[in-house]
Amino acid sequence: MIHRFFKDVMKKIIRFLVLLAVILVSFYLMMTVFVIFACLAAFGGLVWVYLRYFGKSKSGSYSTKGVTIDQVIQPVNTSASSPQESESVEAFDEMQQDTGYSEADVTAVYYDVYALYDLYEIEVRAYCLSPSPSLPTIVPDIIELTHNVDADDQLRAKIYRLLGELYEANNDIALALEYYQTAVSLDVKVGVKRKITKLTKIISS
């Protein structure tokens, strides 16, 4: 009788010890997996922080696309010319001399409306930085580009905006306003609504 009692007690103790061992081993494995996962997450976070803030050159601010904000944001100042503005105009003239191509040459080689627009935009921006009494000689070419069948409405709107900026820099407010209104009629997102409001107030006053 006593022997059976002790035997039952020993079985219960063994079962308890086995259960406790299983619980301890399971807890240890869970903690090990958790620690490994936490270490991997911490390592990944450190790598991300390094690449995000220290892995790039400190020469400029960077956007999420890896392009410097200094390259994207180039403010255009239409006020009185400065030495930097004069250098910009001279750099543009040098670029034309180095390439040896004029607008007519580009038109003759390949009539790509987007390439032509980019070319015209450079010269218009240079003029707007330091406007002279006479308009650039490419004005008729820009106007002709608005009638090109390969130019969609968005590009045509940008061309009209370019003309508006050109004439606004030349203080021809009425014609600039007309070009801005044509641009916004083709594409409401062309970005001239404030210019239209401003010039309309100037003409009304």
C-alpha atoms as a PDB file:
ATOM      1  CA  MET A   1       0.000   0.000   0.000  1.00  0.00           C
ATOM      2  CA  ILE A   2       2.736   2.441   1.013  1.00  0.00           C
ATOM      3  CA  HIS A   3       4.850   1.292  -1.912  1.00  0.00           C
ATOM      4  CA  ARG A   4       2.029   2.082  -4.345  1.00  0.00           C
ATOM      5  CA  PHE A   5       1.547   5.501  -2.733  1.00  0.00           C
ATOM      6  CA  PHE A   6       5.200   6.411  -3.181  1.00  0.00           C
ATOM      7  CA  LYS A   7       5.111   5.070  -6.710  1.00  0.00           C
ATOM      8  CA  ASP A   8       2.153   7.323  -7.597  1.00  0.00           C
ATOM      9  CA  VAL A   9       3.855  10.295  -5.971  1.00  0.00           C
ATOM     10  CA  MET A  10       7.032   9.661  -7.960  1.00  0.00           C
ATOM     11  CA  LYS A  11       5.039   9.448 -11.204  1.00  0.00           C
ATOM     12  CA  LYS A  12       3.401  12.790 -10.457  1.00  0.00           C
ATOM     13  CA  ILE A  13       6.751  14.362  -9.613  1.00  0.00           C
ATOM     14  CA  ILE A  14       8.293  13.034 -12.816  1.00  0.00           C
ATOM     15  CA  ARG A  15       5.357  14.296 -14.863  1.00  0.00           C
ATOM     16  CA  PHE A  16       5.649  17.707 -13.228  1.00  0.00           C
ATOM     17  CA  LEU A  17       9.386  17.839 -13.874  1.00  0.00           C
ATOM     18  CA  VAL A  18       8.907  16.806 -17.520  1.00  0.00           C
ATOM     19  CA  LEU A  19       6.187  19.444 -17.966  1.00  0.00           C
ATOM     20  CA  LEU A  20       8.391  22.066 -16.291  1.00  0.00           C
ATOM     21  CA  ALA A  21      11.290  21.102 -18.557  1.00  0.00           C
ATOM     22  CA  VAL A  22       9.096  21.402 -21.636  1.00  0.00           C
ATOM     23  CA  ILE A  23       7.880  24.825 -20.500  1.00  0.00           C
ATOM     24  CA  LEU A  24      11.421  26.033 -19.779  1.00  0.00           C
ATOM     25  CA  VAL A  25      12.771  24.765 -23.113  1.00  0.00           C
ATOM     26  CA  SER A  26       9.853  26.323 -25.000  1.00  0.00           C
ATOM     27  CA  PHE A  27      10.340  29.631 -23.194  1.00  0.00           C
ATOM     28  CA  TYR A  28      14.078  29.533 -23.927  1.00  0.00           C
ATOM     29  CA  LEU A  29      13.476  28.869 -27.621  1.00  0.00           C
ATOM     30  CA  MET A  30      10.902  31.642 -27.818  1.00  0.00           C
ATOM     31  CA  MET A  31      13.267  34.097 -26.136  1.00  0.00           C
ATOM     32  CA  THR A  32      16.100  33.039 -28.437  1.00  0.00           C
ATOM     33  CA  VAL A  33      13.979  33.618 -31.531  1.00  0.00           C
ATOM     34  CA  PHE A  34      12.804  36.944 -30.129  1.00  0.00           C
ATOM     35  CA  VAL A  35      16.362  38.072 -29.385  1.00  0.00           C
ATOM     36  CA  ILE A  36      17.539  37.054 -32.874  1.00  0.00           C
ATOM     37  CA  PHE A  37      14.628  38.911 -34.483  1.00  0.00           C
ATOM     38  CA  ALA A  38      15.286  41.983 -32.325  1.00  0.00           C
ATOM     39  CA  CYS A  39      18.976  41.939 -33.274  1.00  0.00           C
ATOM     40  CA  LEU A  40      18.145  41.651 -36.980  1.00  0.00           C
ATOM     41  CA  ALA A  41      15.621  44.491 -36.713  1.00  0.00           C
ATOM     42  CA  ALA A  42      18.136  46.679 -34.883  1.00  0.00           C
ATOM     43  CA  PHE A  43      20.831  45.903 -37.450  1.00  0.00           C
ATOM     44  CA  GLY A  44      18.442  46.680 -40.308  1.00  0.00           C
ATOM     45  CA  GLY A  45      17.500  49.956 -38.627  1.00  0.00           C
ATOM     46  CA  LEU A  46      21.141  50.962 -38.226  1.00  0.00           C
ATOM     47  CA  VAL A  47      21.852  50.154 -41.873  1.00  0.00           C
ATOM     48  CA  TRP A  48      18.841  52.232 -42.977  1.00  0.00           C
ATOM     49  CA  VAL A  49      19.909  55.201 -40.807  1.00  0.00           C
ATOM     50  CA  TYR A  50      23.440  55.024 -42.179  1.00  0.00           C
ATOM     51  CA  LEU A  51      22.299  54.895 -45.793  1.00  0.00           C
ATOM     52  CA  ARG A  52      19.668  57.592 -45.255  1.00  0.00           C
ATOM     53  CA  TYR A  53      21.806  60.160 -43.463  1.00  0.00           C
ATOM     54  CA  PHE A  54      25.455  59.236 -43.852  1.00  0.00           C
ATOM     55  CA  GLY A  55      25.726  57.154 -47.013  1.00  0.00           C
ATOM     56  CA  LYS A  56      25.449  60.132 -49.399  1.00  0.00           C
ATOM     57  CA  SER A  57      27.600  63.128 -50.119  1.00  0.00           C
ATOM     58  CA  LYS A  58      27.105  66.117 -47.863  1.00  0.00           C
ATOM     59  CA  SER A  59      27.527  68.562 -50.750  1.00  0.00           C
ATOM     60  CA  GLY A  60      23.771  69.035 -51.177  1.00  0.00           C
ATOM     61  CA  SER A  61      20.333  68.193 -49.821  1.00  0.00           C
ATOM     62  CA  TYR A  62      18.769  65.023 -51.164  1.00  0.00           C
ATOM     63  CA  SER A  63      15.197  64.144 -52.038  1.00  0.00           C
ATOM     64  CA  THR A  64      13.662  60.671 -51.757  1.00  0.00           C
ATOM     65  CA  LYS A  65      14.522  60.024 -55.411  1.00  0.00           C
ATOM     66  CA  GLY A  66      18.248  60.476 -54.817  1.00  0.00           C
ATOM     67  CA  VAL A  67      18.299  63.787 -56.687  1.00  0.00           C
ATOM     68  CA  THR A  68      19.670  66.844 -54.972  1.00  0.00           C
ATOM     69  CA  ILE A  69      17.104  69.467 -54.137  1.00  0.00           C
ATOM     70  CA  ASP A  70      19.704  72.032 -55.198  1.00  0.00           C
ATOM     71  CA  GLN A  71      19.517  70.518 -58.692  1.00  0.00           C
ATOM     72  CA  VAL A  72      15.710  70.588 -58.775  1.00  0.00           C
ATOM     73  CA  ILE A  73      15.068  74.008 -57.256  1.00  0.00           C
ATOM     74  CA  GLN A  74      16.575  76.722 -59.393  1.00  0.00           C
ATOM     75  CA  PRO A  75      14.757  79.983 -58.559  1.00  0.00           C
ATOM     76  CA  VAL A  76      14.427  82.482 -61.387  1.00  0.00           C
ATOM     77  CA  ASN A  77      14.866  86.079 -60.342  1.00  0.00           C
ATOM     78  CA  THR A  78      13.387  88.568 -62.819  1.00  0.00           C
ATOM     79  CA  SER A  79      14.622  91.611 -60.874  1.00  0.00           C
ATOM     80  CA  ALA A  80      17.640  93.718 -61.728  1.00  0.00           C
ATOM     81  CA  SER A  81      20.584  91.798 -63.068  1.00  0.00           C
ATOM     82  CA  SER A  82      23.442  90.706 -60.805  1.00  0.00           C
ATOM     83  CA  PRO A  83      26.940  89.343 -61.527  1.00  0.00           C
ATOM     84  CA  GLN A  84      25.612  85.785 -61.109  1.00  0.00           C
ATOM     85  CA  GLU A  85      22.822  86.463 -63.604  1.00  0.00           C
ATOM     86  CA  SER A  86      25.298  87.877 -66.109  1.00  0.00           C
ATOM     87  CA  GLU A  87      27.411  84.741 -65.693  1.00  0.00           C
ATOM     88  CA  SER A  88      24.324  82.618 -66.437  1.00  0.00           C
ATOM     89  CA  VAL A  89      23.687  84.515 -69.680  1.00  0.00           C
ATOM     90  CA  GLU A  90      27.351  84.264 -70.665  1.00  0.00           C
ATOM     91  CA  ALA A  91      27.358  80.542 -69.895  1.00  0.00           C
ATOM     92  CA  PHE A  92      24.367  80.085 -72.189  1.00  0.00           C
ATOM     93  CA  ASP A  93      26.099  82.021 -74.994  1.00  0.00           C
ATOM     94  CA  GLU A  94      29.214  79.907 -74.544  1.00  0.00           C
ATOM     95  CA  MET A  95      27.107  76.746 -74.698  1.00  0.00           C
ATOM     96  CA  GLN A  96      25.690  77.823 -78.063  1.00  0.00           C
ATOM     97  CA  GLN A  97      29.176  78.619 -79.358  1.00  0.00           C
ATOM     98  CA  ASP A  98      30.599  75.304 -78.155  1.00  0.00           C
ATOM     99  CA  THR A  99      27.860  73.214 -79.735  1.00  0.00           C
ATOM    100  CA  GLY A 100      27.880  75.196 -82.967  1.00  0.00           C
ATOM    101  CA  TYR A 101      24.163  74.571 -83.460  1.00  0.00           C
ATOM    102  CA  SER A 102      21.474  77.210 -83.793  1.00  0.00           C
ATOM    103  CA  GLU A 103      17.735  76.732 -83.449  1.00  0.00           C
ATOM    104  CA  ALA A 104      17.438  76.479 -87.240  1.00  0.00           C
ATOM    105  CA  ASP A 105      20.102  73.743 -87.323  1.00  0.00           C
ATOM    106  CA  VAL A 106      18.240  71.727 -84.712  1.00  0.00           C
ATOM    107  CA  THR A 107      15.003  72.129 -86.665  1.00  0.00           C
ATOM    108  CA  ALA A 108      16.660  70.949 -89.853  1.00  0.00           C
ATOM    109  CA  VAL A 109      18.273  67.902 -88.226  1.00  0.00           C
ATOM    110  CA  TYR A 110      15.384  66.590 -86.195  1.00  0.00           C
ATOM    111  CA  TYR A 111      12.121  68.300 -85.532  1.00  0.00           C
ATOM    112  CA  ASP A 112      11.575  67.122 -81.980  1.00  0.00           C
ATOM    113  CA  VAL A 113       9.128  69.562 -80.388  1.00  0.00           C
ATOM    114  CA  TYR A 114      10.234  68.649 -76.877  1.00  0.00           C
ATOM    115  CA  ALA A 115      13.908  69.188 -77.700  1.00  0.00           C
ATOM    116  CA  LEU A 116      13.057  72.491 -79.346  1.00  0.00           C
ATOM    117  CA  TYR A 117      11.022  73.565 -76.348  1.00  0.00           C
ATOM    118  CA  ASP A 118      13.933  72.782 -74.027  1.00  0.00           C
ATOM    119  CA  LEU A 119      16.255  74.786 -76.265  1.00  0.00           C
ATOM    120  CA  TYR A 120      13.896  77.754 -76.431  1.00  0.00           C
ATOM    121  CA  GLU A 121      13.281  77.621 -72.687  1.00  0.00           C
ATOM    122  CA  ILE A 122      16.998  77.991 -71.958  1.00  0.00           C
ATOM    123  CA  GLU A 123      17.235  81.134 -74.055  1.00  0.00           C
ATOM    124  CA  VAL A 124      14.001  82.606 -72.654  1.00  0.00           C
ATOM    125  CA  ARG A 125      15.160  81.971 -69.073  1.00  0.00           C
ATOM    126  CA  ALA A 126      18.461  83.675 -69.882  1.00  0.00           C
ATOM    127  CA  TYR A 127      16.575  86.668 -71.313  1.00  0.00           C
ATOM    128  CA  CYS A 128      14.261  86.875 -68.278  1.00  0.00           C
ATOM    129  CA  LEU A 129      17.272  86.992 -65.942  1.00  0.00           C
ATOM    130  CA  SER A 130      18.587  90.109 -67.655  1.00  0.00           C
ATOM    131  CA  PRO A 131      16.047  91.461 -70.161  1.00  0.00           C
ATOM    132  CA  SER A 132      17.349  93.669 -72.955  1.00  0.00           C
ATOM    133  CA  PRO A 133      15.362  96.240 -74.962  1.00  0.00           C
ATOM    134  CA  SER A 134      14.981  93.835 -77.892  1.00  0.00           C
ATOM    135  CA  LEU A 135      13.340  90.432 -77.700  1.00  0.00           C
ATOM    136  CA  PRO A 136      15.269  87.287 -78.654  1.00  0.00           C
ATOM    137  CA  THR A 137      15.229  86.404 -82.339  1.00  0.00           C
ATOM    138  CA  ILE A 138      13.648  83.027 -81.579  1.00  0.00           C
ATOM    139  CA  VAL A 139      10.238  84.519 -80.723  1.00  0.00           C
ATOM    140  CA  PRO A 140       8.726  83.706 -84.177  1.00  0.00           C
ATOM    141  CA  ASP A 141      10.111  80.165 -83.886  1.00  0.00           C
ATOM    142  CA  ILE A 142       8.476  79.734 -80.474  1.00  0.00           C
ATOM    143  CA  ILE A 143       5.153  80.989 -81.829  1.00  0.00           C
ATOM    144  CA  GLU A 144       5.461  78.617 -84.786  1.00  0.00           C
ATOM    145  CA  LEU A 145       6.073  75.754 -82.374  1.00  0.00           C
ATOM    146  CA  THR A 146       2.623  76.297 -80.829  1.00  0.00           C
ATOM    147  CA  HIS A 147       1.071  75.272 -84.165  1.00  0.00           C
ATOM    148  CA  ASN A 148       3.098  72.073 -84.514  1.00  0.00           C
ATOM    149  CA  VAL A 149       0.881  69.006 -84.848  1.00  0.00           C
ATOM    150  CA  ASP A 150       3.228  66.915 -82.701  1.00  0.00           C
ATOM    151  CA  ALA A 151       2.798  69.174 -79.665  1.00  0.00           C
ATOM    152  CA  ASP A 152       0.080  68.029 -77.277  1.00  0.00           C
ATOM    153  CA  ASP A 153      -2.032  70.467 -75.259  1.00  0.00           C
ATOM    154  CA  GLN A 154       0.200  70.277 -72.190  1.00  0.00           C
ATOM    155  CA  LEU A 155       3.340  71.084 -74.142  1.00  0.00           C
ATOM    156  CA  ARG A 156       1.539  73.780 -76.109  1.00  0.00           C
ATOM    157  CA  ALA A 157       0.370  75.318 -72.824  1.00  0.00           C
ATOM    158  CA  LYS A 158       3.964  75.376 -71.574  1.00  0.00           C
ATOM    159  CA  ILE A 159       5.033  77.092 -74.788  1.00  0.00           C
ATOM    160  CA  TYR A 160       2.371  79.779 -74.353  1.00  0.00           C
ATOM    161  CA  ARG A 161       3.480  80.226 -70.756  1.00  0.00           C
ATOM    162  CA  LEU A 162       7.042  80.653 -71.991  1.00  0.00           C
ATOM    163  CA  LEU A 163       5.865  83.385 -74.367  1.00  0.00           C
ATOM    164  CA  GLY A 164       3.963  85.041 -71.538  1.00  0.00           C
ATOM    165  CA  GLU A 165       7.030  85.088 -69.322  1.00  0.00           C
ATOM    166  CA  LEU A 166       9.069  86.480 -72.183  1.00  0.00           C
ATOM    167  CA  TYR A 167       6.709  89.392 -72.799  1.00  0.00           C
ATOM    168  CA  GLU A 168       6.171  89.967 -69.078  1.00  0.00           C
ATOM    169  CA  ALA A 169       9.923  90.369 -68.657  1.00  0.00           C
ATOM    170  CA  ASN A 170       9.767  92.825 -71.565  1.00  0.00           C
ATOM    171  CA  ASN A 171       6.990  94.773 -69.758  1.00  0.00           C
ATOM    172  CA  ASP A 172       4.405  93.992 -72.440  1.00  0.00           C
ATOM    173  CA  ILE A 173       1.718  93.196 -69.866  1.00  0.00           C
ATOM    174  CA  ALA A 174      -1.257  92.970 -72.249  1.00  0.00           C
ATOM    175  CA  LEU A 175       0.377  90.462 -74.581  1.00  0.00           C
ATOM    176  CA  ALA A 176       1.809  88.493 -71.660  1.00  0.00           C
ATOM    177  CA  LEU A 177      -1.671  88.239 -70.144  1.00  0.00           C
ATOM    178  CA  GLU A 178      -3.087  87.041 -73.457  1.00  0.00           C
ATOM    179  CA  TYR A 179      -0.500  84.270 -73.691  1.00  0.00           C
ATOM    180  CA  TYR A 180      -1.082  83.239 -70.064  1.00  0.00           C
ATOM    181  CA  GLN A 181      -4.838  83.008 -70.653  1.00  0.00           C
ATOM    182  CA  THR A 182      -4.266  80.869 -73.748  1.00  0.00           C
ATOM    183  CA  ALA A 183      -1.942  78.613 -71.745  1.00  0.00           C
ATOM    184  CA  VAL A 184      -4.453  78.051 -68.942  1.00  0.00           C
ATOM    185  CA  SER A 185      -7.199  77.340 -71.463  1.00  0.00           C
ATOM    186  CA  LEU A 186      -5.106  74.438 -72.769  1.00  0.00           C
ATOM    187  CA  ASP A 187      -3.963  73.138 -69.381  1.00  0.00           C
ATOM    188  CA  VAL A 188      -5.363  74.442 -66.104  1.00  0.00           C
ATOM    189  CA  LYS A 189      -2.340  73.026 -64.257  1.00  0.00           C
ATOM    190  CA  VAL A 190       0.224  74.978 -66.276  1.00  0.00           C
ATOM    191  CA  GLY A 191       0.790  77.257 -63.274  1.00  0.00           C
ATOM    192  CA  VAL A 192      -0.147  80.744 -64.487  1.00  0.00           C
ATOM    193  CA  LYS A 193      -3.302  81.528 -62.486  1.00  0.00           C
ATOM    194  CA  ARG A 194      -1.472  83.807 -60.075  1.00  0.00           C
ATOM    195  CA  LYS A 195       0.280  85.523 -62.956  1.00  0.00           C
ATOM    196  CA  ILE A 196      -3.079  86.118 -64.649  1.00  0.00           C
ATOM    197  CA  THR A 197      -4.514  87.590 -61.451  1.00  0.00           C
ATOM    198  CA  LYS A 198      -1.461  89.784 -60.966  1.00  0.00           C
ATOM    199  CA  LEU A 199      -1.394  91.125 -64.518  1.00  0.00           C
ATOM    200  CA  THR A 200      -5.157  91.630 -64.580  1.00  0.00           C
ATOM    201  CA  LYS A 201      -4.892  93.846 -61.484  1.00  0.00           C
ATOM    202  CA  ILE A 202      -2.043  95.800 -63.110  1.00  0.00           C
ATOM    203  CA  ILE A 203      -4.086  96.432 -66.270  1.00  0.00           C
ATOM    204  CA  SER A 204      -7.227  97.331 -64.293  1.00  0.00           C
ATOM    205  CA  SER A 205      -5.438  99.858 -62.101  1.00  0.00           C
END
